[in-house]
Amino acid sequence: MDVIRLPDVAATEALASRLAKSLPMETAGWIVLLQGDLGAGKSTLARAMLREMGHDGPVPSPTYTLVEPYELEIGNIYHIDLYRISGLVELEHLGWHDLRDGLALVEWPERAPELREHADLQIALDYDGSGRAAVLQSLSDRGAAMLSGTGLGRLIRR
């Protein structure tokens, strides 16, 4: 397994920028899973992706709201935190299907493991000394195509 070393926040933001620039113009229905322990950099990565995609303003954590929606020129982006969700059934009751018109950046996807079969990309973040490390994995053909455009080459697994 190849690991992308992220020695500081700037490196995490640079990775997010590369990922955001590699997304297609049409992102409706895309699901990107952001996995990692508390403080591993999930929200940092999501914030940097949102900024790269054109959001100018604060990006609050969706921990308590569960979903933070953003209407951008590229389309709707939903920053989602599943930490307080107990599974896919609860997620469906909260309106998951209403979010399919945009890109979903999903933190704590392990709370609804069934999402993985519908996702396009998983970014697993972990601590690496004083920095972080990331493993990117495509989960769909379009996720693989998107990752091939990042220029990260062998650091991506399928």
N, C-alpha and C. Protein backbone atom coordinates (compact mmCIF):
# COMPACT_ATOMS: atom_id res chain seq x y z
N MET A 1 0.85 -1.18 0.00
CA MET A 1 0.00 0.00 0.00
C MET A 1 0.89 1.24 0.00
N ASP A 2 0.65 2.14 -0.94
CA ASP A 2 1.40 3.38 -1.02
C ASP A 2 0.71 4.46 -0.20
N VAL A 3 1.53 5.25 0.46
CA VAL A 3 1.04 6.27 1.37
C VAL A 3 1.54 7.63 0.90
N ILE A 4 0.67 8.61 0.93
CA ILE A 4 1.05 9.99 0.63
C ILE A 4 1.35 10.67 1.94
N ARG A 5 2.56 11.10 2.13
CA ARG A 5 2.97 11.79 3.36
C ARG A 5 2.52 13.24 3.29
N LEU A 6 1.91 13.69 4.37
CA LEU A 6 1.41 15.06 4.48
C LEU A 6 2.05 15.68 5.73
N PRO A 7 3.23 16.26 5.61
CA PRO A 7 3.96 16.72 6.79
C PRO A 7 3.32 17.89 7.53
N ASP A 8 2.43 18.63 6.84
CA ASP A 8 1.81 19.79 7.48
C ASP A 8 0.45 20.08 6.82
N VAL A 9 -0.22 21.08 7.36
CA VAL A 9 -1.54 21.45 6.84
C VAL A 9 -1.44 21.89 5.38
N ALA A 10 -0.36 22.58 5.02
CA ALA A 10 -0.19 23.03 3.64
C ALA A 10 -0.15 21.84 2.68
N ALA A 11 0.46 20.75 3.08
CA ALA A 11 0.52 19.56 2.23
C ALA A 11 -0.86 18.93 2.08
N THR A 12 -1.64 18.92 3.17
CA THR A 12 -3.01 18.41 3.10
C THR A 12 -3.85 19.27 2.17
N GLU A 13 -3.69 20.58 2.27
CA GLU A 13 -4.43 21.49 1.40
C GLU A 13 -4.00 21.35 -0.06
N ALA A 14 -2.72 21.09 -0.30
CA ALA A 14 -2.23 20.88 -1.67
C ALA A 14 -2.83 19.60 -2.26
N LEU A 15 -2.91 18.55 -1.46
CA LEU A 15 -3.55 17.31 -1.92
C LEU A 15 -5.02 17.58 -2.26
N ALA A 16 -5.71 18.28 -1.39
CA ALA A 16 -7.12 18.61 -1.62
C ALA A 16 -7.28 19.40 -2.91
N SER A 17 -6.39 20.33 -3.16
CA SER A 17 -6.44 21.13 -4.38
C SER A 17 -6.29 20.25 -5.62
N ARG A 18 -5.34 19.33 -5.58
CA ARG A 18 -5.14 18.41 -6.72
C ARG A 18 -6.38 17.55 -6.95
N LEU A 19 -6.96 17.08 -5.87
CA LEU A 19 -8.15 16.24 -5.99
C LEU A 19 -9.32 17.05 -6.57
N ALA A 20 -9.53 18.24 -6.06
CA ALA A 20 -10.63 19.08 -6.53
C ALA A 20 -10.47 19.43 -8.01
N LYS A 21 -9.26 19.73 -8.42
CA LYS A 21 -9.00 20.08 -9.82
C LYS A 21 -9.19 18.87 -10.74
N SER A 22 -9.10 17.67 -10.21
CA SER A 22 -9.24 16.46 -11.02
C SER A 22 -10.68 15.98 -11.13
N LEU A 23 -11.58 16.57 -10.37
CA LEU A 23 -12.99 16.20 -10.47
C LEU A 23 -13.55 16.63 -11.82
N PRO A 24 -14.48 15.87 -12.36
CA PRO A 24 -15.11 16.29 -13.62
C PRO A 24 -16.01 17.50 -13.38
N MET A 25 -16.40 18.15 -14.46
CA MET A 25 -17.30 19.30 -14.34
C MET A 25 -18.65 18.91 -13.76
N GLU A 26 -19.11 17.71 -14.03
CA GLU A 26 -20.40 17.22 -13.52
C GLU A 26 -20.13 16.27 -12.35
N THR A 27 -20.43 16.70 -11.14
CA THR A 27 -20.16 15.88 -9.95
C THR A 27 -21.41 15.37 -9.27
N ALA A 28 -22.57 15.57 -9.87
CA ALA A 28 -23.82 15.09 -9.26
C ALA A 28 -23.75 13.59 -9.05
N GLY A 29 -24.08 13.16 -7.84
CA GLY A 29 -24.07 11.74 -7.51
C GLY A 29 -22.74 11.20 -7.05
N TRP A 30 -21.71 12.01 -7.07
CA TRP A 30 -20.39 11.56 -6.62
C TRP A 30 -20.37 11.46 -5.10
N ILE A 31 -19.67 10.44 -4.59
CA ILE A 31 -19.48 10.28 -3.15
C ILE A 31 -18.00 10.06 -2.87
N VAL A 32 -17.45 10.93 -2.03
CA VAL A 32 -16.05 10.82 -1.60
C VAL A 32 -16.08 10.57 -0.09
N LEU A 33 -15.52 9.43 0.31
CA LEU A 33 -15.48 9.05 1.72
C LEU A 33 -14.20 9.56 2.35
N LEU A 34 -14.32 10.26 3.46
CA LEU A 34 -13.17 10.78 4.21
C LEU A 34 -13.09 10.03 5.53
N GLN A 35 -12.12 9.14 5.61
CA GLN A 35 -12.03 8.25 6.75
C GLN A 35 -10.80 8.59 7.59
N GLY A 36 -10.93 8.48 8.90
CA GLY A 36 -9.80 8.72 9.79
C GLY A 36 -10.28 9.07 11.18
N ASP A 37 -9.36 8.94 12.11
CA ASP A 37 -9.66 9.26 13.51
C ASP A 37 -9.92 10.75 13.69
N LEU A 38 -10.43 11.10 14.86
CA LEU A 38 -10.65 12.48 15.23
C LEU A 38 -9.34 13.26 15.09
N GLY A 39 -9.37 14.35 14.36
CA GLY A 39 -8.19 15.19 14.20
C GLY A 39 -7.22 14.73 13.11
N ALA A 40 -7.58 13.72 12.34
CA ALA A 40 -6.67 13.19 11.32
C ALA A 40 -6.61 14.06 10.07
N GLY A 41 -7.53 15.01 9.91
CA GLY A 41 -7.46 15.92 8.77
C GLY A 41 -8.62 15.85 7.81
N LYS A 42 -9.68 15.15 8.17
CA LYS A 42 -10.84 15.01 7.28
C LYS A 42 -11.46 16.38 6.96
N SER A 43 -11.74 17.16 7.98
CA SER A 43 -12.36 18.47 7.76
C SER A 43 -11.40 19.43 7.06
N THR A 44 -10.12 19.35 7.37
CA THR A 44 -9.12 20.18 6.70
C THR A 44 -9.13 19.91 5.20
N LEU A 45 -9.16 18.63 4.85
CA LEU A 45 -9.19 18.23 3.45
C LEU A 45 -10.48 18.72 2.77
N ALA A 46 -11.62 18.51 3.43
CA ALA A 46 -12.90 18.95 2.87
C ALA A 46 -12.94 20.46 2.69
N ARG A 47 -12.46 21.21 3.67
CA ARG A 47 -12.45 22.68 3.57
C ARG A 47 -11.61 23.14 2.39
N ALA A 48 -10.43 22.54 2.24
CA ALA A 48 -9.55 22.93 1.14
C ALA A 48 -10.15 22.56 -0.21
N MET A 49 -10.82 21.42 -0.30
CA MET A 49 -11.48 21.05 -1.56
C MET A 49 -12.58 22.06 -1.89
N LEU A 50 -13.38 22.43 -0.90
CA LEU A 50 -14.46 23.39 -1.11
C LEU A 50 -13.91 24.74 -1.58
N ARG A 51 -12.82 25.17 -0.99
CA ARG A 51 -12.23 26.45 -1.39
C ARG A 51 -11.72 26.36 -2.83
N GLU A 52 -11.09 25.24 -3.17
CA GLU A 52 -10.57 25.06 -4.53
C GLU A 52 -11.71 25.03 -5.54
N MET A 53 -12.88 24.55 -5.14
CA MET A 53 -14.02 24.47 -6.04
C MET A 53 -14.82 25.76 -6.09
N GLY A 54 -14.35 26.80 -5.38
CA GLY A 54 -14.96 28.11 -5.53
C GLY A 54 -15.66 28.67 -4.32
N HIS A 55 -15.67 27.97 -3.20
CA HIS A 55 -16.34 28.52 -2.02
C HIS A 55 -15.43 29.55 -1.35
N ASP A 56 -16.01 30.71 -1.09
CA ASP A 56 -15.29 31.78 -0.42
C ASP A 56 -16.06 32.13 0.85
N GLY A 57 -15.57 31.70 1.96
CA GLY A 57 -16.25 31.96 3.22
C GLY A 57 -15.96 30.85 4.21
N PRO A 58 -16.58 30.92 5.36
CA PRO A 58 -16.32 29.91 6.38
C PRO A 58 -16.84 28.53 5.95
N VAL A 59 -16.18 27.51 6.44
CA VAL A 59 -16.59 26.13 6.22
C VAL A 59 -16.70 25.47 7.60
N PRO A 60 -17.86 25.60 8.23
CA PRO A 60 -18.01 25.02 9.57
C PRO A 60 -18.04 23.50 9.51
N SER A 61 -17.66 22.90 10.59
CA SER A 61 -17.75 21.44 10.69
C SER A 61 -19.21 21.04 10.73
N PRO A 62 -19.58 19.98 10.01
CA PRO A 62 -20.97 19.52 10.04
C PRO A 62 -21.28 18.57 11.20
N THR A 63 -20.45 18.58 12.23
CA THR A 63 -20.62 17.65 13.34
C THR A 63 -22.02 17.72 13.95
N TYR A 64 -22.54 18.91 14.16
CA TYR A 64 -23.84 19.05 14.82
C TYR A 64 -24.99 19.22 13.82
N THR A 65 -24.70 19.81 12.66
CA THR A 65 -25.76 20.00 11.66
C THR A 65 -25.92 18.76 10.78
N LEU A 66 -24.96 17.86 10.78
CA LEU A 66 -24.88 16.65 9.97
C LEU A 66 -24.57 16.94 8.51
N VAL A 67 -25.17 17.97 7.92
CA VAL A 67 -24.92 18.32 6.52
C VAL A 67 -24.74 19.83 6.40
N GLU A 68 -23.65 20.23 5.75
CA GLU A 68 -23.45 21.63 5.40
C GLU A 68 -23.49 21.72 3.88
N PRO A 69 -24.53 22.35 3.31
CA PRO A 69 -24.65 22.44 1.85
C PRO A 69 -23.95 23.68 1.30
N TYR A 70 -23.40 23.55 0.09
CA TYR A 70 -22.75 24.65 -0.60
C TYR A 70 -23.24 24.67 -2.04
N GLU A 71 -23.76 25.80 -2.47
CA GLU A 71 -24.18 25.97 -3.86
C GLU A 71 -23.07 26.72 -4.58
N LEU A 72 -22.34 25.99 -5.41
CA LEU A 72 -21.19 26.57 -6.11
C LEU A 72 -21.42 26.53 -7.61
N GLU A 73 -20.57 27.22 -8.34
CA GLU A 73 -20.68 27.23 -9.79
C GLU A 73 -20.58 25.81 -10.36
N ILE A 74 -19.73 24.98 -9.78
CA ILE A 74 -19.56 23.59 -10.23
C ILE A 74 -20.80 22.74 -9.92
N GLY A 75 -21.62 23.19 -8.99
CA GLY A 75 -22.83 22.46 -8.59
C GLY A 75 -22.95 22.41 -7.08
N ASN A 76 -23.84 21.60 -6.60
CA ASN A 76 -24.04 21.47 -5.15
C ASN A 76 -22.99 20.55 -4.56
N ILE A 77 -22.47 20.96 -3.42
CA ILE A 77 -21.51 20.16 -2.66
C ILE A 77 -22.08 20.03 -1.26
N TYR A 78 -22.04 18.81 -0.74
CA TYR A 78 -22.54 18.55 0.61
C TYR A 78 -21.41 17.99 1.46
N HIS A 79 -21.09 18.70 2.53
CA HIS A 79 -20.10 18.24 3.51
C HIS A 79 -20.90 17.57 4.63
N ILE A 80 -20.70 16.28 4.77
CA ILE A 80 -21.56 15.46 5.64
C ILE A 80 -20.73 14.80 6.73
N ASP A 81 -21.25 14.80 7.94
CA ASP A 81 -20.61 14.14 9.07
C ASP A 81 -21.56 13.08 9.61
N LEU A 82 -21.16 11.83 9.53
CA LEU A 82 -22.02 10.72 9.96
C LEU A 82 -21.73 10.22 11.37
N TYR A 83 -20.91 10.95 12.11
CA TYR A 83 -20.51 10.47 13.44
C TYR A 83 -21.71 10.15 14.33
N ARG A 84 -22.77 10.92 14.23
CA ARG A 84 -23.95 10.73 15.08
C ARG A 84 -25.02 9.83 14.45
N ILE A 85 -24.71 9.25 13.30
CA ILE A 85 -25.64 8.38 12.58
C ILE A 85 -25.38 6.93 12.99
N SER A 86 -26.44 6.16 13.11
CA SER A 86 -26.28 4.75 13.52
C SER A 86 -26.42 3.76 12.37
N GLY A 87 -26.49 4.25 11.13
CA GLY A 87 -26.55 3.34 10.00
C GLY A 87 -27.28 3.94 8.82
N LEU A 88 -27.32 3.19 7.73
CA LEU A 88 -27.91 3.67 6.50
C LEU A 88 -29.40 3.95 6.62
N VAL A 89 -30.12 3.17 7.42
CA VAL A 89 -31.56 3.39 7.58
C VAL A 89 -31.81 4.77 8.17
N GLU A 90 -31.07 5.13 9.20
CA GLU A 90 -31.21 6.45 9.80
C GLU A 90 -30.82 7.55 8.81
N LEU A 91 -29.80 7.29 8.05
CA LEU A 91 -29.36 8.25 7.04
C LEU A 91 -30.45 8.48 5.99
N GLU A 92 -31.10 7.43 5.57
CA GLU A 92 -32.20 7.54 4.61
C GLU A 92 -33.35 8.38 5.20
N HIS A 93 -33.66 8.19 6.48
CA HIS A 93 -34.72 8.96 7.13
C HIS A 93 -34.38 10.44 7.22
N LEU A 94 -33.10 10.75 7.21
CA LEU A 94 -32.66 12.14 7.28
C LEU A 94 -32.58 12.81 5.91
N GLY A 95 -32.92 12.07 4.84
CA GLY A 95 -32.98 12.67 3.52
C GLY A 95 -31.76 12.46 2.64
N TRP A 96 -31.06 11.36 2.80
CA TRP A 96 -29.87 11.08 2.00
C TRP A 96 -30.16 11.20 0.50
N HIS A 97 -31.30 10.71 0.05
CA HIS A 97 -31.63 10.74 -1.38
C HIS A 97 -31.75 12.16 -1.93
N ASP A 98 -32.04 13.11 -1.08
CA ASP A 98 -32.14 14.51 -1.52
C ASP A 98 -30.78 15.12 -1.84
N LEU A 99 -29.71 14.43 -1.49
CA LEU A 99 -28.36 14.96 -1.68
C LEU A 99 -27.70 14.42 -2.94
N ARG A 100 -28.40 13.64 -3.72
CA ARG A 100 -27.80 13.02 -4.90
C ARG A 100 -27.59 13.98 -6.06
N ASP A 101 -28.05 15.21 -5.91
CA ASP A 101 -27.87 16.19 -6.98
C ASP A 101 -26.50 16.86 -6.92
N GLY A 102 -25.65 16.42 -6.00
CA GLY A 102 -24.34 17.05 -5.87
C GLY A 102 -23.28 16.08 -5.41
N LEU A 103 -22.12 16.62 -5.15
CA LEU A 103 -20.97 15.88 -4.64
C LEU A 103 -21.09 15.78 -3.12
N ALA A 104 -20.96 14.57 -2.58
CA ALA A 104 -21.02 14.36 -1.13
C ALA A 104 -19.61 14.07 -0.61
N LEU A 105 -19.13 14.93 0.28
CA LEU A 105 -17.87 14.70 1.00
C LEU A 105 -18.28 14.18 2.37
N VAL A 106 -18.06 12.88 2.62
CA VAL A 106 -18.63 12.20 3.77
C VAL A 106 -17.57 11.85 4.81
N GLU A 107 -17.65 12.48 5.97
CA GLU A 107 -16.79 12.13 7.09
C GLU A 107 -17.45 11.02 7.91
N TRP A 108 -16.65 10.18 8.51
CA TRP A 108 -17.10 9.06 9.33
C TRP A 108 -17.97 8.07 8.53
N PRO A 109 -17.55 7.67 7.33
CA PRO A 109 -18.37 6.76 6.52
C PRO A 109 -18.54 5.37 7.13
N GLU A 110 -17.69 5.01 8.06
CA GLU A 110 -17.81 3.70 8.70
C GLU A 110 -19.10 3.57 9.52
N ARG A 111 -19.76 4.70 9.80
CA ARG A 111 -21.04 4.68 10.52
C ARG A 111 -22.17 4.15 9.62
N ALA A 112 -21.97 4.19 8.31
CA ALA A 112 -22.93 3.63 7.34
C ALA A 112 -22.11 2.90 6.27
N PRO A 113 -21.55 1.73 6.63
CA PRO A 113 -20.62 1.04 5.73
C PRO A 113 -21.20 0.70 4.36
N GLU A 114 -22.51 0.65 4.24
CA GLU A 114 -23.13 0.35 2.95
C GLU A 114 -22.85 1.44 1.91
N LEU A 115 -22.49 2.62 2.36
CA LEU A 115 -22.18 3.71 1.43
C LEU A 115 -21.00 3.38 0.53
N ARG A 116 -20.09 2.58 1.03
CA ARG A 116 -18.87 2.25 0.28
C ARG A 116 -19.19 1.67 -1.09
N GLU A 117 -20.23 0.86 -1.19
CA GLU A 117 -20.55 0.24 -2.48
C GLU A 117 -21.10 1.25 -3.49
N HIS A 118 -21.47 2.44 -3.03
CA HIS A 118 -21.98 3.48 -3.92
C HIS A 118 -20.98 4.62 -4.12
N ALA A 119 -19.86 4.56 -3.39
CA ALA A 119 -18.90 5.66 -3.40
C ALA A 119 -17.94 5.56 -4.59
N ASP A 120 -17.30 6.68 -4.88
CA ASP A 120 -16.35 6.77 -5.98
C ASP A 120 -14.90 6.79 -5.51
N LEU A 121 -14.68 7.30 -4.31
CA LEU A 121 -13.33 7.50 -3.83
C LEU A 121 -13.31 7.42 -2.31
N GLN A 122 -12.26 6.80 -1.78
CA GLN A 122 -12.05 6.81 -0.33
C GLN A 122 -10.68 7.42 -0.06
N ILE A 123 -10.66 8.35 0.87
CA ILE A 123 -9.41 8.95 1.32
C ILE A 123 -9.27 8.63 2.79
N ALA A 124 -8.32 7.76 3.10
CA ALA A 124 -8.08 7.36 4.49
C ALA A 124 -6.92 8.19 5.02
N LEU A 125 -7.19 8.93 6.08
CA LEU A 125 -6.18 9.80 6.70
C LEU A 125 -5.79 9.23 8.05
N ASP A 126 -4.50 9.38 8.37
CA ASP A 126 -4.01 8.86 9.64
C ASP A 126 -2.87 9.76 10.12
N TYR A 127 -2.54 9.62 11.38
CA TYR A 127 -1.42 10.35 11.96
C TYR A 127 -0.12 9.77 11.44
N ASP A 128 0.88 10.64 11.22
CA ASP A 128 2.20 10.24 10.77
C ASP A 128 3.20 11.15 11.46
N GLY A 129 3.58 10.77 12.68
CA GLY A 129 4.42 11.65 13.48
C GLY A 129 3.68 12.93 13.79
N SER A 130 4.30 14.08 13.48
CA SER A 130 3.62 15.35 13.71
C SER A 130 2.77 15.75 12.51
N GLY A 131 2.82 14.98 11.44
CA GLY A 131 2.02 15.26 10.25
C GLY A 131 0.90 14.25 10.08
N ARG A 132 0.50 14.06 8.85
CA ARG A 132 -0.55 13.11 8.51
C ARG A 132 -0.11 12.28 7.32
N ALA A 133 -0.86 11.23 7.05
CA ALA A 133 -0.63 10.39 5.88
C ALA A 133 -1.98 10.08 5.26
N ALA A 134 -1.99 9.90 3.95
CA ALA A 134 -3.24 9.61 3.24
C ALA A 134 -3.05 8.42 2.31
N VAL A 135 -4.10 7.61 2.23
CA VAL A 135 -4.16 6.54 1.23
C VAL A 135 -5.43 6.80 0.43
N LEU A 136 -5.27 6.92 -0.88
CA LEU A 136 -6.40 7.17 -1.78
C LEU A 136 -6.76 5.87 -2.47
N GLN A 137 -8.04 5.59 -2.51
CA GLN A 137 -8.50 4.36 -3.16
C GLN A 137 -9.72 4.67 -4.01
N SER A 138 -9.66 4.31 -5.29
CA SER A 138 -10.83 4.47 -6.14
C SER A 138 -11.78 3.32 -5.84
N LEU A 139 -13.06 3.64 -5.81
CA LEU A 139 -14.09 2.65 -5.51
C LEU A 139 -15.05 2.47 -6.68
N SER A 140 -14.81 3.20 -7.78
CA SER A 140 -15.64 3.09 -8.98
C SER A 140 -14.76 3.39 -10.18
N ASP A 141 -15.27 3.09 -11.35
CA ASP A 141 -14.53 3.40 -12.57
C ASP A 141 -14.33 4.90 -12.73
N ARG A 142 -15.36 5.68 -12.41
CA ARG A 142 -15.18 7.13 -12.55
C ARG A 142 -14.24 7.67 -11.48
N GLY A 143 -14.20 7.02 -10.31
CA GLY A 143 -13.22 7.40 -9.29
C GLY A 143 -11.80 7.12 -9.76
N ALA A 144 -11.61 5.98 -10.44
CA ALA A 144 -10.29 5.62 -10.97
C ALA A 144 -9.87 6.63 -12.04
N ALA A 145 -10.80 7.01 -12.91
CA ALA A 145 -10.50 7.98 -13.96
C ALA A 145 -10.14 9.33 -13.35
N MET A 146 -10.87 9.73 -12.33
CA MET A 146 -10.61 11.00 -11.67
C MET A 146 -9.22 10.99 -11.03
N LEU A 147 -8.89 9.91 -10.32
CA LEU A 147 -7.60 9.83 -9.65
C LEU A 147 -6.44 9.80 -10.64
N SER A 148 -6.66 9.23 -11.81
CA SER A 148 -5.58 9.19 -12.80
C SER A 148 -5.21 10.60 -13.24
N GLY A 149 -6.13 11.56 -13.09
CA GLY A 149 -5.85 12.94 -13.45
C GLY A 149 -5.16 13.75 -12.38
N THR A 150 -4.88 13.14 -11.22
CA THR A 150 -4.25 13.89 -10.14
C THR A 150 -2.74 14.00 -10.31
N GLY A 151 -2.13 13.11 -11.11
CA GLY A 151 -0.69 13.10 -11.25
C GLY A 151 0.02 12.43 -10.09
N LEU A 152 -0.72 11.73 -9.24
CA LEU A 152 -0.12 11.08 -8.08
C LEU A 152 0.38 9.67 -8.41
N GLY A 153 0.04 9.18 -9.59
CA GLY A 153 0.55 7.91 -10.10
C GLY A 153 0.45 6.74 -9.16
N ARG A 154 1.58 6.16 -8.82
CA ARG A 154 1.62 4.90 -8.06
C ARG A 154 1.13 5.05 -6.62
N LEU A 155 0.86 6.25 -6.17
CA LEU A 155 0.42 6.46 -4.79
C LEU A 155 -1.08 6.21 -4.62
N ILE A 156 -1.71 5.77 -5.68
CA ILE A 156 -3.16 5.52 -5.65
C ILE A 156 -3.39 4.04 -5.86
N ARG A 157 -4.32 3.47 -5.11
CA ARG A 157 -4.62 2.06 -5.29
C ARG A 157 -6.07 1.89 -5.64
N ARG A 158 -6.35 0.76 -6.25
CA ARG A 158 -7.74 0.45 -6.65
C ARG A 158 -8.17 -0.79 -5.93
